[in-house]
């Protein structure tokens, strides 16, 4: 194992031990005779790695759902079924006429 990997493993073990305890970073460093600022540097590295791996972007596939009709249910159980390609202008006229009649 290279010196770089053994150094990383050393600090990673301390990082994981620290995460299990409910003490301050300063207290952990004091108890384990670690340099506070060196531990802080490694802690930021490991915290960032956890954050960056937990917020991965995943591909999303969109499949629009094709509806055949829209159904409007009015009082007295009156149903109006409107096909998808129905004219918006005609629908407005129908709605206006229904409002006048009620």
C-alpha atoms as a PDB file:
ATOM      1  CA  UNK A   1       0.000   0.000   0.000  1.00  0.00           C
ATOM      2  CA  UNK A   2       1.386   3.400  -0.914  1.00  0.00           C
ATOM      3  CA  UNK A   3       2.129   6.033   1.716  1.00  0.00           C
ATOM      4  CA  UNK A   4      -0.647   8.231   0.278  1.00  0.00           C
ATOM      5  CA  UNK A   5      -3.218   5.428   0.660  1.00  0.00           C
ATOM      6  CA  UNK A   6      -2.065   4.566   4.174  1.00  0.00           C
ATOM      7  CA  UNK A   7      -2.323   8.254   5.169  1.00  0.00           C
ATOM      8  CA  UNK A   8      -5.805   8.458   3.701  1.00  0.00           C
ATOM      9  CA  UNK A   9      -6.853   5.249   5.463  1.00  0.00           C
ATOM     10  CA  UNK A  10      -5.446   6.528   8.754  1.00  0.00           C
ATOM     11  CA  UNK A  11      -7.503   9.733   8.596  1.00  0.00           C
ATOM     12  CA  UNK A  12     -10.558   7.930   7.285  1.00  0.00           C
ATOM     13  CA  UNK A  13     -10.539   5.615  10.299  1.00  0.00           C
ATOM     14  CA  UNK A  14     -10.364   8.630  12.598  1.00  0.00           C
ATOM     15  CA  UNK A  15     -13.121  10.335  10.633  1.00  0.00           C
ATOM     16  CA  UNK A  16     -15.403   7.307  10.969  1.00  0.00           C
ATOM     17  CA  UNK A  17     -14.603   6.974  14.683  1.00  0.00           C
ATOM     18  CA  UNK A  18     -15.339  10.655  15.220  1.00  0.00           C
ATOM     19  CA  UNK A  19     -18.719  10.347  13.413  1.00  0.00           C
ATOM     20  CA  UNK A  20     -19.786   7.606  15.854  1.00  0.00           C
ATOM     21  CA  UNK A  21     -19.144   9.760  18.906  1.00  0.00           C
ATOM     22  CA  UNK A  22     -21.182  12.640  20.197  1.00  0.00           C
ATOM     23  CA  UNK A  23     -18.252  14.914  21.024  1.00  0.00           C
ATOM     24  CA  UNK A  24     -16.765  18.028  19.466  1.00  0.00           C
ATOM     25  CA  UNK A  25     -14.059  17.850  16.871  1.00  0.00           C
ATOM     26  CA  UNK A  26     -11.637  19.583  19.259  1.00  0.00           C
ATOM     27  CA  UNK A  27     -12.358  17.048  21.995  1.00  0.00           C
ATOM     28  CA  UNK A  28     -11.850  14.124  19.599  1.00  0.00           C
ATOM     29  CA  UNK A  29      -8.506  15.538  18.472  1.00  0.00           C
ATOM     30  CA  UNK A  30      -7.410  16.111  22.076  1.00  0.00           C
ATOM     31  CA  UNK A  31      -8.357  12.568  23.135  1.00  0.00           C
ATOM     32  CA  UNK A  32      -6.536  11.029  20.152  1.00  0.00           C
ATOM     33  CA  UNK A  33      -3.567  13.440  20.128  1.00  0.00           C
ATOM     34  CA  UNK A  34      -4.372  14.648  16.596  1.00  0.00           C
ATOM     35  CA  UNK A  35      -3.647  18.015  15.069  1.00  0.00           C
ATOM     36  CA  UNK A  36      -6.961  19.858  14.967  1.00  0.00           C
ATOM     37  CA  UNK A  37      -6.363  21.601  11.636  1.00  0.00           C
ATOM     38  CA  UNK A  38      -5.045  18.464   9.927  1.00  0.00           C
ATOM     39  CA  UNK A  39      -8.045  16.489  11.115  1.00  0.00           C
ATOM     40  CA  UNK A  40     -10.307  19.352  10.036  1.00  0.00           C
ATOM     41  CA  UNK A  41      -8.817  19.259   6.517  1.00  0.00           C
ATOM     42  CA  UNK A  42      -9.442  15.504   6.200  1.00  0.00           C
ATOM     43  CA  UNK A  43     -12.920  15.824   7.716  1.00  0.00           C
ATOM     44  CA  UNK A  44     -13.867  18.391   5.064  1.00  0.00           C
ATOM     45  CA  UNK A  45     -12.557  16.056   2.330  1.00  0.00           C
ATOM     46  CA  UNK A  46     -14.601  13.100   3.607  1.00  0.00           C
ATOM     47  CA  UNK A  47     -17.697  15.245   4.237  1.00  0.00           C
ATOM     48  CA  UNK A  48     -17.495  16.539   0.657  1.00  0.00           C
ATOM     49  CA  UNK A  49     -17.124  13.022  -0.759  1.00  0.00           C
ATOM     50  CA  UNK A  50     -20.239  11.891   1.111  1.00  0.00           C
ATOM     51  CA  UNK A  51     -22.195  14.917  -0.105  1.00  0.00           C
ATOM     52  CA  UNK A  52     -21.120  14.586  -3.715  1.00  0.00           C
ATOM     53  CA  UNK A  53     -21.967  10.871  -3.882  1.00  0.00           C
ATOM     54  CA  UNK A  54     -25.321  11.262  -2.175  1.00  0.00           C
ATOM     55  CA  UNK A  55     -26.546  13.884  -4.658  1.00  0.00           C
ATOM     56  CA  UNK A  56     -25.988  12.070  -7.916  1.00  0.00           C
ATOM     57  CA  UNK A  57     -27.910  13.105 -10.979  1.00  0.00           C
ATOM     58  CA  UNK A  58     -29.846  10.234 -12.446  1.00  0.00           C
ATOM     59  CA  UNK A  59     -31.238  10.051 -15.962  1.00  0.00           C
ATOM     60  CA  UNK A  60     -34.967  10.616 -16.155  1.00  0.00           C
ATOM     61  CA  UNK A  61     -37.159   9.259 -18.900  1.00  0.00           C
ATOM     62  CA  UNK A  62     -40.357  11.123 -19.618  1.00  0.00           C
ATOM     63  CA  UNK A  63     -43.295   9.264 -21.109  1.00  0.00           C
ATOM     64  CA  UNK A  64     -46.257  11.569 -21.660  1.00  0.00           C
ATOM     65  CA  UNK A  65     -49.584   9.988 -20.932  1.00  0.00           C
ATOM     66  CA  UNK A  66     -51.972  10.394 -23.787  1.00  0.00           C
ATOM     67  CA  UNK A  67     -55.492  10.983 -22.640  1.00  0.00           C
ATOM     68  CA  UNK A  68     -58.327  10.270 -24.953  1.00  0.00           C
ATOM     69  CA  UNK A  69     -60.796  12.640 -23.364  1.00  0.00           C
ATOM     70  CA  UNK A  70     -61.453  15.047 -20.551  1.00  0.00           C
ATOM     71  CA  UNK A  71     -64.580  14.441 -18.514  1.00  0.00           C
ATOM     72  CA  UNK A  72     -66.441  17.215 -16.685  1.00  0.00           C
ATOM     73  CA  UNK A  73     -69.118  16.223 -14.209  1.00  0.00           C
ATOM     74  CA  UNK A  74     -71.724  18.880 -13.442  1.00  0.00           C
ATOM     75  CA  UNK A  75     -74.444  18.948 -10.784  1.00  0.00           C
ATOM     76  CA  UNK A  76     -77.295  16.504 -11.313  1.00  0.00           C
ATOM     77  CA  UNK A  77     -74.717  13.995 -12.597  1.00  0.00           C
ATOM     78  CA  UNK A  78     -74.464  15.654 -16.021  1.00  0.00           C
ATOM     79  CA  UNK A  79     -71.242  14.489 -17.708  1.00  0.00           C
ATOM     80  CA  UNK A  80     -69.463  16.196 -20.562  1.00  0.00           C
ATOM     81  CA  UNK A  81     -66.762  14.196 -22.323  1.00  0.00           C
ATOM     82  CA  UNK A  82     -64.365  16.247 -24.403  1.00  0.00           C
ATOM     83  CA  UNK A  83     -61.901  14.591 -26.787  1.00  0.00           C
ATOM     84  CA  UNK A  84     -58.257  15.706 -26.614  1.00  0.00           C
ATOM     85  CA  UNK A  85     -58.344  17.515 -29.964  1.00  0.00           C
ATOM     86  CA  UNK A  86     -61.570  19.395 -29.165  1.00  0.00           C
ATOM     87  CA  UNK A  87     -61.552  23.108 -30.064  1.00  0.00           C
ATOM     88  CA  UNK A  88     -60.764  25.344 -27.095  1.00  0.00           C
ATOM     89  CA  UNK A  89     -62.954  28.074 -28.595  1.00  0.00           C
ATOM     90  CA  UNK A  90     -65.948  25.729 -28.838  1.00  0.00           C
ATOM     91  CA  UNK A  91     -65.419  24.613 -25.237  1.00  0.00           C
ATOM     92  CA  UNK A  92     -65.448  28.272 -24.115  1.00  0.00           C
ATOM     93  CA  UNK A  93     -68.761  28.800 -25.921  1.00  0.00           C
ATOM     94  CA  UNK A  94     -70.272  25.720 -24.239  1.00  0.00           C
ATOM     95  CA  UNK A  95     -69.074  26.846 -20.798  1.00  0.00           C
ATOM     96  CA  UNK A  96     -70.460  30.326 -21.377  1.00  0.00           C
ATOM     97  CA  UNK A  97     -73.830  28.917 -22.417  1.00  0.00           C
ATOM     98  CA  UNK A  98     -73.938  26.677 -19.325  1.00  0.00           C
ATOM     99  CA  UNK A  99     -73.219  29.637 -17.047  1.00  0.00           C
ATOM    100  CA  UNK A 100     -76.080  31.637 -18.615  1.00  0.00           C
ATOM    101  CA  UNK A 101     -78.518  28.769 -18.165  1.00  0.00           C
ATOM    102  CA  UNK A 102     -77.771  28.181 -14.504  1.00  0.00           C
END
